[in-house]
Amino acid sequence: MSLGANIGNRKRTMREAIEKLNASVGTVLRQSSLFETKPWGFESPNDFINCCVLIDTTLAPRQLLEATQKVERELGRVEKSVNQEYHDRIIDIDILLYDDLKINEPDLKIPHPLMKERDFVMKPLKEIKSKTR
């Protein structure tokens, strides 16, 4: 999973999101460093804090999506991006990969279709992968 925040107390929000994921989604096995990055896909003076986590979960992909969206709402996220129109956000949680599954539904795409275009995803993801060896 990829997490990002660019408004509010970004580091605290990231910590709280990871704690909530660990409590409600599954065991967080690995966490990348926090990376500070410029917004991607929109203009904003607010930089993001991003990281990736590897989670061991028993939830099915659809359940996982619903659980991550619940965590976002609990942390104050009120709207999702629509038609790839991005905006500032208190927290964003994206499912990047789920085992070797391929899912292509309107609101759930695994692997995440844009992850390879985003350094703020690939750098922390590579860091996690290097920790698994």
N, C-alpha and C. Protein backbone atom coordinates (compact mmCIF):
# COMPACT_ATOMS: atom_id res chain seq x y z
N MET A 1 0.84 -1.18 0.00
CA MET A 1 0.00 0.00 0.00
C MET A 1 0.87 1.23 0.00
N SER A 2 0.35 2.26 -0.62
CA SER A 2 1.00 3.56 -0.64
C SER A 2 0.16 4.53 0.18
N LEU A 3 0.83 5.34 0.99
CA LEU A 3 0.16 6.34 1.80
C LEU A 3 0.75 7.70 1.50
N GLY A 4 -0.10 8.72 1.48
CA GLY A 4 0.38 10.07 1.26
C GLY A 4 -0.49 11.07 1.99
N ALA A 5 0.13 12.18 2.41
CA ALA A 5 -0.58 13.26 3.09
C ALA A 5 0.13 14.57 2.78
N ASN A 6 -0.66 15.63 2.47
CA ASN A 6 0.00 16.90 2.22
C ASN A 6 -0.65 18.09 2.93
N ILE A 7 -1.61 17.82 3.80
CA ILE A 7 -2.14 18.91 4.63
C ILE A 7 -2.28 18.41 6.06
N GLY A 8 -2.31 19.34 6.98
CA GLY A 8 -2.38 18.97 8.39
C GLY A 8 -1.01 18.53 8.90
N ASN A 9 -1.01 17.86 10.03
CA ASN A 9 0.23 17.33 10.59
C ASN A 9 0.54 16.02 9.86
N ARG A 10 1.26 16.14 8.76
CA ARG A 10 1.46 15.03 7.83
C ARG A 10 2.11 13.81 8.48
N LYS A 11 3.15 14.02 9.25
CA LYS A 11 3.83 12.87 9.87
C LYS A 11 2.94 12.17 10.89
N ARG A 12 2.22 12.95 11.68
CA ARG A 12 1.31 12.35 12.65
C ARG A 12 0.21 11.58 11.93
N THR A 13 -0.33 12.16 10.88
CA THR A 13 -1.37 11.48 10.11
C THR A 13 -0.87 10.16 9.55
N MET A 14 0.35 10.15 9.05
CA MET A 14 0.92 8.91 8.51
C MET A 14 1.04 7.86 9.62
N ARG A 15 1.55 8.27 10.78
CA ARG A 15 1.66 7.34 11.92
C ARG A 15 0.29 6.78 12.29
N GLU A 16 -0.69 7.67 12.40
CA GLU A 16 -2.04 7.24 12.78
C GLU A 16 -2.63 6.31 11.72
N ALA A 17 -2.41 6.61 10.46
CA ALA A 17 -2.93 5.75 9.39
C ALA A 17 -2.33 4.35 9.47
N ILE A 18 -1.03 4.28 9.71
CA ILE A 18 -0.36 2.98 9.79
C ILE A 18 -0.85 2.22 11.01
N GLU A 19 -1.04 2.91 12.13
CA GLU A 19 -1.58 2.26 13.33
C GLU A 19 -2.99 1.72 13.08
N LYS A 20 -3.83 2.52 12.41
CA LYS A 20 -5.20 2.08 12.12
C LYS A 20 -5.20 0.92 11.13
N LEU A 21 -4.33 0.95 10.14
CA LEU A 21 -4.24 -0.17 9.20
C LEU A 21 -3.82 -1.43 9.93
N ASN A 22 -2.85 -1.30 10.81
CA ASN A 22 -2.36 -2.45 11.57
C ASN A 22 -3.47 -3.03 12.45
N ALA A 23 -4.33 -2.18 12.98
CA ALA A 23 -5.40 -2.63 13.87
C ALA A 23 -6.61 -3.18 13.11
N SER A 24 -6.89 -2.65 11.91
CA SER A 24 -8.14 -3.00 11.25
C SER A 24 -8.00 -3.79 9.96
N VAL A 25 -6.82 -3.78 9.37
CA VAL A 25 -6.64 -4.41 8.06
C VAL A 25 -5.80 -5.68 8.15
N GLY A 26 -4.72 -5.61 8.89
CA GLY A 26 -3.82 -6.74 9.02
C GLY A 26 -2.50 -6.27 9.61
N THR A 27 -1.59 -7.20 9.76
CA THR A 27 -0.31 -6.89 10.38
C THR A 27 0.61 -6.16 9.40
N VAL A 28 1.08 -4.99 9.82
CA VAL A 28 2.07 -4.26 9.02
C VAL A 28 3.41 -4.97 9.21
N LEU A 29 3.88 -5.59 8.15
CA LEU A 29 5.13 -6.35 8.20
C LEU A 29 6.36 -5.47 7.95
N ARG A 30 6.21 -4.51 7.05
CA ARG A 30 7.31 -3.62 6.71
C ARG A 30 6.76 -2.24 6.40
N GLN A 31 7.59 -1.25 6.71
CA GLN A 31 7.25 0.14 6.39
C GLN A 31 8.48 0.81 5.82
N SER A 32 8.29 1.56 4.76
CA SER A 32 9.40 2.30 4.18
C SER A 32 9.68 3.55 5.02
N SER A 33 10.74 4.21 4.65
CA SER A 33 11.02 5.54 5.21
C SER A 33 9.94 6.49 4.73
N LEU A 34 9.86 7.65 5.35
CA LEU A 34 8.97 8.70 4.88
C LEU A 34 9.72 9.52 3.83
N PHE A 35 9.07 9.80 2.73
CA PHE A 35 9.66 10.58 1.64
C PHE A 35 8.85 11.85 1.47
N GLU A 36 9.53 12.99 1.38
CA GLU A 36 8.84 14.24 1.11
C GLU A 36 8.91 14.50 -0.38
N THR A 37 7.76 14.77 -0.99
CA THR A 37 7.69 14.91 -2.45
C THR A 37 6.76 16.06 -2.83
N LYS A 38 6.96 16.53 -4.04
CA LYS A 38 6.08 17.55 -4.61
C LYS A 38 4.77 16.88 -5.04
N PRO A 39 3.68 17.64 -5.09
CA PRO A 39 2.42 17.08 -5.59
C PRO A 39 2.59 16.54 -7.02
N TRP A 40 1.85 15.50 -7.33
CA TRP A 40 1.89 14.88 -8.65
C TRP A 40 0.50 14.98 -9.26
N GLY A 41 0.44 15.58 -10.45
CA GLY A 41 -0.83 15.65 -11.15
C GLY A 41 -1.66 16.88 -10.84
N PHE A 42 -1.16 17.76 -9.96
CA PHE A 42 -1.87 19.01 -9.66
C PHE A 42 -0.90 19.98 -9.00
N GLU A 43 -1.27 21.25 -8.99
CA GLU A 43 -0.44 22.30 -8.39
C GLU A 43 -0.89 22.55 -6.96
N SER A 44 0.09 22.63 -6.06
CA SER A 44 -0.19 22.97 -4.67
C SER A 44 1.11 23.41 -4.01
N PRO A 45 1.04 24.36 -3.09
CA PRO A 45 2.24 24.73 -2.35
C PRO A 45 2.59 23.71 -1.26
N ASN A 46 1.70 22.74 -1.03
CA ASN A 46 1.87 21.78 0.06
C ASN A 46 2.54 20.50 -0.43
N ASP A 47 3.74 20.22 0.08
CA ASP A 47 4.44 18.99 -0.27
C ASP A 47 3.81 17.80 0.45
N PHE A 48 4.00 16.63 -0.12
CA PHE A 48 3.49 15.40 0.45
C PHE A 48 4.54 14.70 1.31
N ILE A 49 4.08 13.95 2.27
CA ILE A 49 4.86 12.91 2.93
C ILE A 49 4.27 11.61 2.39
N ASN A 50 5.13 10.73 1.88
CA ASN A 50 4.69 9.46 1.31
C ASN A 50 5.47 8.32 1.94
N CYS A 51 4.85 7.15 1.97
CA CYS A 51 5.53 5.92 2.35
C CYS A 51 4.75 4.74 1.80
N CYS A 52 5.34 3.58 1.89
CA CYS A 52 4.66 2.33 1.53
C CYS A 52 4.72 1.38 2.71
N VAL A 53 3.71 0.54 2.81
CA VAL A 53 3.70 -0.50 3.83
C VAL A 53 3.34 -1.83 3.18
N LEU A 54 3.88 -2.87 3.74
CA LEU A 54 3.56 -4.24 3.35
C LEU A 54 2.70 -4.80 4.48
N ILE A 55 1.52 -5.28 4.12
CA ILE A 55 0.57 -5.75 5.13
C ILE A 55 0.17 -7.18 4.84
N ASP A 56 0.15 -7.99 5.89
CA ASP A 56 -0.37 -9.36 5.82
C ASP A 56 -1.83 -9.28 6.24
N THR A 57 -2.74 -9.57 5.32
CA THR A 57 -4.17 -9.44 5.60
C THR A 57 -4.94 -10.68 5.17
N THR A 58 -6.04 -10.91 5.84
CA THR A 58 -6.95 -11.98 5.45
C THR A 58 -8.14 -11.41 4.68
N LEU A 59 -8.19 -10.09 4.54
CA LEU A 59 -9.29 -9.46 3.83
C LEU A 59 -9.17 -9.70 2.33
N ALA A 60 -10.29 -9.91 1.68
CA ALA A 60 -10.33 -9.99 0.23
C ALA A 60 -10.09 -8.58 -0.33
N PRO A 61 -9.68 -8.45 -1.58
CA PRO A 61 -9.38 -7.12 -2.13
C PRO A 61 -10.49 -6.10 -1.95
N ARG A 62 -11.73 -6.46 -2.20
CA ARG A 62 -12.84 -5.51 -2.05
C ARG A 62 -12.99 -5.10 -0.58
N GLN A 63 -12.86 -6.06 0.34
CA GLN A 63 -12.92 -5.74 1.77
C GLN A 63 -11.76 -4.82 2.15
N LEU A 64 -10.60 -5.07 1.58
CA LEU A 64 -9.42 -4.26 1.85
C LEU A 64 -9.65 -2.82 1.39
N LEU A 65 -10.21 -2.66 0.21
CA LEU A 65 -10.53 -1.32 -0.29
C LEU A 65 -11.48 -0.61 0.66
N GLU A 66 -12.53 -1.29 1.07
CA GLU A 66 -13.50 -0.67 1.98
C GLU A 66 -12.85 -0.31 3.32
N ALA A 67 -11.98 -1.17 3.82
CA ALA A 67 -11.30 -0.91 5.10
C ALA A 67 -10.35 0.28 4.99
N THR A 68 -9.62 0.39 3.87
CA THR A 68 -8.70 1.52 3.73
C THR A 68 -9.47 2.82 3.57
N GLN A 69 -10.59 2.78 2.87
CA GLN A 69 -11.41 3.99 2.74
C GLN A 69 -12.01 4.40 4.08
N LYS A 70 -12.33 3.43 4.91
CA LYS A 70 -12.83 3.74 6.26
C LYS A 70 -11.74 4.44 7.08
N VAL A 71 -10.50 3.96 6.98
CA VAL A 71 -9.38 4.60 7.69
C VAL A 71 -9.22 6.03 7.19
N GLU A 72 -9.30 6.23 5.87
CA GLU A 72 -9.20 7.59 5.33
C GLU A 72 -10.28 8.49 5.94
N ARG A 73 -11.51 8.02 5.98
CA ARG A 73 -12.60 8.82 6.55
C ARG A 73 -12.37 9.11 8.03
N GLU A 74 -11.90 8.11 8.77
CA GLU A 74 -11.65 8.31 10.20
C GLU A 74 -10.59 9.38 10.44
N LEU A 75 -9.67 9.52 9.50
CA LEU A 75 -8.60 10.51 9.63
C LEU A 75 -8.98 11.86 9.03
N GLY A 76 -10.20 11.97 8.50
CA GLY A 76 -10.69 13.25 8.04
C GLY A 76 -10.80 13.44 6.55
N ARG A 77 -10.53 12.41 5.77
CA ARG A 77 -10.65 12.54 4.31
C ARG A 77 -12.13 12.57 3.95
N VAL A 78 -12.53 13.59 3.21
CA VAL A 78 -13.95 13.72 2.91
C VAL A 78 -14.29 13.43 1.46
N GLU A 79 -13.32 13.54 0.56
CA GLU A 79 -13.62 13.25 -0.83
C GLU A 79 -12.44 12.56 -1.50
N LYS A 80 -12.75 11.70 -2.46
CA LYS A 80 -11.73 11.02 -3.24
C LYS A 80 -11.54 11.78 -4.55
N SER A 81 -10.42 11.55 -5.20
CA SER A 81 -10.19 12.13 -6.51
C SER A 81 -11.18 11.51 -7.50
N VAL A 82 -11.70 12.34 -8.38
CA VAL A 82 -12.65 11.89 -9.38
C VAL A 82 -12.09 12.23 -10.76
N ASN A 83 -12.14 11.28 -11.67
CA ASN A 83 -11.62 11.49 -13.03
C ASN A 83 -10.18 11.99 -13.02
N GLN A 84 -9.41 11.48 -12.11
CA GLN A 84 -7.99 11.83 -11.95
C GLN A 84 -7.78 13.33 -11.76
N GLU A 85 -8.74 14.00 -11.14
CA GLU A 85 -8.55 15.39 -10.74
C GLU A 85 -8.10 15.37 -9.29
N TYR A 86 -6.82 15.60 -9.09
CA TYR A 86 -6.23 15.47 -7.77
C TYR A 86 -6.29 16.80 -7.01
N HIS A 87 -6.19 16.71 -5.70
CA HIS A 87 -6.27 17.89 -4.85
C HIS A 87 -5.54 17.59 -3.55
N ASP A 88 -5.34 18.64 -2.73
CA ASP A 88 -4.73 18.44 -1.42
C ASP A 88 -5.56 17.44 -0.64
N ARG A 89 -4.87 16.66 0.21
CA ARG A 89 -5.62 15.68 1.01
C ARG A 89 -4.90 15.40 2.32
N ILE A 90 -5.71 15.14 3.33
CA ILE A 90 -5.16 14.84 4.65
C ILE A 90 -4.54 13.45 4.66
N ILE A 91 -5.10 12.52 3.86
CA ILE A 91 -4.54 11.17 3.75
C ILE A 91 -5.05 10.54 2.47
N ASP A 92 -4.20 9.77 1.86
CA ASP A 92 -4.58 8.98 0.68
C ASP A 92 -3.94 7.62 0.85
N ILE A 93 -4.73 6.59 0.75
CA ILE A 93 -4.23 5.22 0.87
C ILE A 93 -4.60 4.48 -0.40
N ASP A 94 -3.61 3.97 -1.10
CA ASP A 94 -3.84 3.22 -2.34
C ASP A 94 -3.33 1.80 -2.20
N ILE A 95 -4.12 0.86 -2.69
CA ILE A 95 -3.68 -0.53 -2.79
C ILE A 95 -2.85 -0.62 -4.06
N LEU A 96 -1.61 -1.03 -3.93
CA LEU A 96 -0.73 -1.13 -5.09
C LEU A 96 -0.75 -2.53 -5.70
N LEU A 97 -0.55 -3.51 -4.84
CA LEU A 97 -0.45 -4.91 -5.25
C LEU A 97 -1.19 -5.76 -4.24
N TYR A 98 -1.65 -6.91 -4.70
CA TYR A 98 -2.26 -7.88 -3.79
C TYR A 98 -1.87 -9.25 -4.33
N ASP A 99 -0.85 -9.84 -3.71
CA ASP A 99 -0.28 -11.09 -4.21
C ASP A 99 -0.05 -10.94 -5.71
N ASP A 100 -0.48 -11.90 -6.50
CA ASP A 100 -0.32 -11.83 -7.95
C ASP A 100 -1.64 -11.52 -8.65
N LEU A 101 -2.61 -11.03 -7.90
CA LEU A 101 -3.93 -10.77 -8.46
C LEU A 101 -3.93 -9.63 -9.46
N LYS A 102 -4.80 -9.75 -10.44
CA LYS A 102 -5.06 -8.67 -11.39
C LYS A 102 -6.56 -8.40 -11.34
N ILE A 103 -6.91 -7.17 -10.97
CA ILE A 103 -8.31 -6.77 -10.86
C ILE A 103 -8.48 -5.48 -11.64
N ASN A 104 -9.53 -5.43 -12.47
CA ASN A 104 -9.79 -4.22 -13.24
C ASN A 104 -11.28 -3.89 -13.16
N GLU A 105 -11.64 -3.25 -12.06
CA GLU A 105 -13.01 -2.81 -11.83
C GLU A 105 -12.99 -1.28 -11.79
N PRO A 106 -14.13 -0.64 -11.97
CA PRO A 106 -14.12 0.83 -12.02
C PRO A 106 -13.46 1.50 -10.81
N ASP A 107 -13.67 0.94 -9.61
CA ASP A 107 -13.13 1.58 -8.41
C ASP A 107 -12.01 0.77 -7.74
N LEU A 108 -11.57 -0.30 -8.39
CA LEU A 108 -10.51 -1.13 -7.82
C LEU A 108 -9.67 -1.71 -8.94
N LYS A 109 -8.43 -1.23 -9.02
CA LYS A 109 -7.51 -1.71 -10.05
C LYS A 109 -6.23 -2.18 -9.37
N ILE A 110 -5.93 -3.46 -9.54
CA ILE A 110 -4.73 -4.06 -8.96
C ILE A 110 -4.04 -4.85 -10.07
N PRO A 111 -2.77 -4.63 -10.31
CA PRO A 111 -1.89 -3.63 -9.70
C PRO A 111 -2.37 -2.20 -10.01
N HIS A 112 -1.96 -1.28 -9.15
CA HIS A 112 -2.34 0.12 -9.34
C HIS A 112 -1.81 0.58 -10.69
N PRO A 113 -2.67 1.10 -11.57
CA PRO A 113 -2.26 1.39 -12.94
C PRO A 113 -1.23 2.50 -13.11
N LEU A 114 -1.09 3.39 -12.15
CA LEU A 114 -0.17 4.51 -12.29
C LEU A 114 1.06 4.40 -11.41
N MET A 115 1.21 3.31 -10.68
CA MET A 115 2.29 3.26 -9.69
C MET A 115 3.67 3.38 -10.32
N LYS A 116 3.89 2.82 -11.48
CA LYS A 116 5.23 2.87 -12.09
C LYS A 116 5.58 4.25 -12.61
N GLU A 117 4.61 5.12 -12.75
CA GLU A 117 4.85 6.49 -13.19
C GLU A 117 5.18 7.41 -12.03
N ARG A 118 5.07 6.92 -10.82
CA ARG A 118 5.18 7.78 -9.64
C ARG A 118 6.39 7.39 -8.80
N ASP A 119 7.40 8.25 -8.81
CA ASP A 119 8.59 8.00 -7.98
C ASP A 119 8.22 7.94 -6.50
N PHE A 120 7.21 8.73 -6.09
CA PHE A 120 6.82 8.74 -4.68
C PHE A 120 6.21 7.42 -4.25
N VAL A 121 5.88 6.56 -5.20
CA VAL A 121 5.41 5.21 -4.91
C VAL A 121 6.56 4.22 -5.09
N MET A 122 7.27 4.33 -6.20
CA MET A 122 8.28 3.32 -6.54
C MET A 122 9.49 3.34 -5.61
N LYS A 123 9.92 4.51 -5.17
CA LYS A 123 11.08 4.57 -4.26
C LYS A 123 10.78 3.87 -2.93
N PRO A 124 9.68 4.21 -2.26
CA PRO A 124 9.41 3.49 -1.00
C PRO A 124 9.08 2.01 -1.23
N LEU A 125 8.44 1.70 -2.37
CA LEU A 125 8.13 0.31 -2.66
C LEU A 125 9.41 -0.50 -2.86
N LYS A 126 10.37 0.07 -3.57
CA LYS A 126 11.66 -0.61 -3.75
C LYS A 126 12.39 -0.77 -2.42
N GLU A 127 12.26 0.21 -1.54
CA GLU A 127 12.89 0.11 -0.21
C GLU A 127 12.30 -1.07 0.56
N ILE A 128 11.00 -1.23 0.52
CA ILE A 128 10.35 -2.36 1.20
C ILE A 128 10.80 -3.67 0.59
N LYS A 129 10.86 -3.70 -0.72
CA LYS A 129 11.26 -4.94 -1.40
C LYS A 129 12.68 -5.33 -1.01
N SER A 130 13.56 -4.35 -0.87
CA SER A 130 14.95 -4.66 -0.50
C SER A 130 15.03 -5.18 0.94
N LYS A 131 14.06 -4.81 1.78
CA LYS A 131 14.05 -5.29 3.17
C LYS A 131 13.53 -6.72 3.29
N THR A 132 12.89 -7.24 2.23
CA THR A 132 12.31 -8.57 2.30
C THR A 132 13.31 -9.65 1.94
N ARG A 133 14.47 -9.28 1.48
CA ARG A 133 15.47 -10.28 1.07
C ARG A 133 16.29 -10.75 2.24
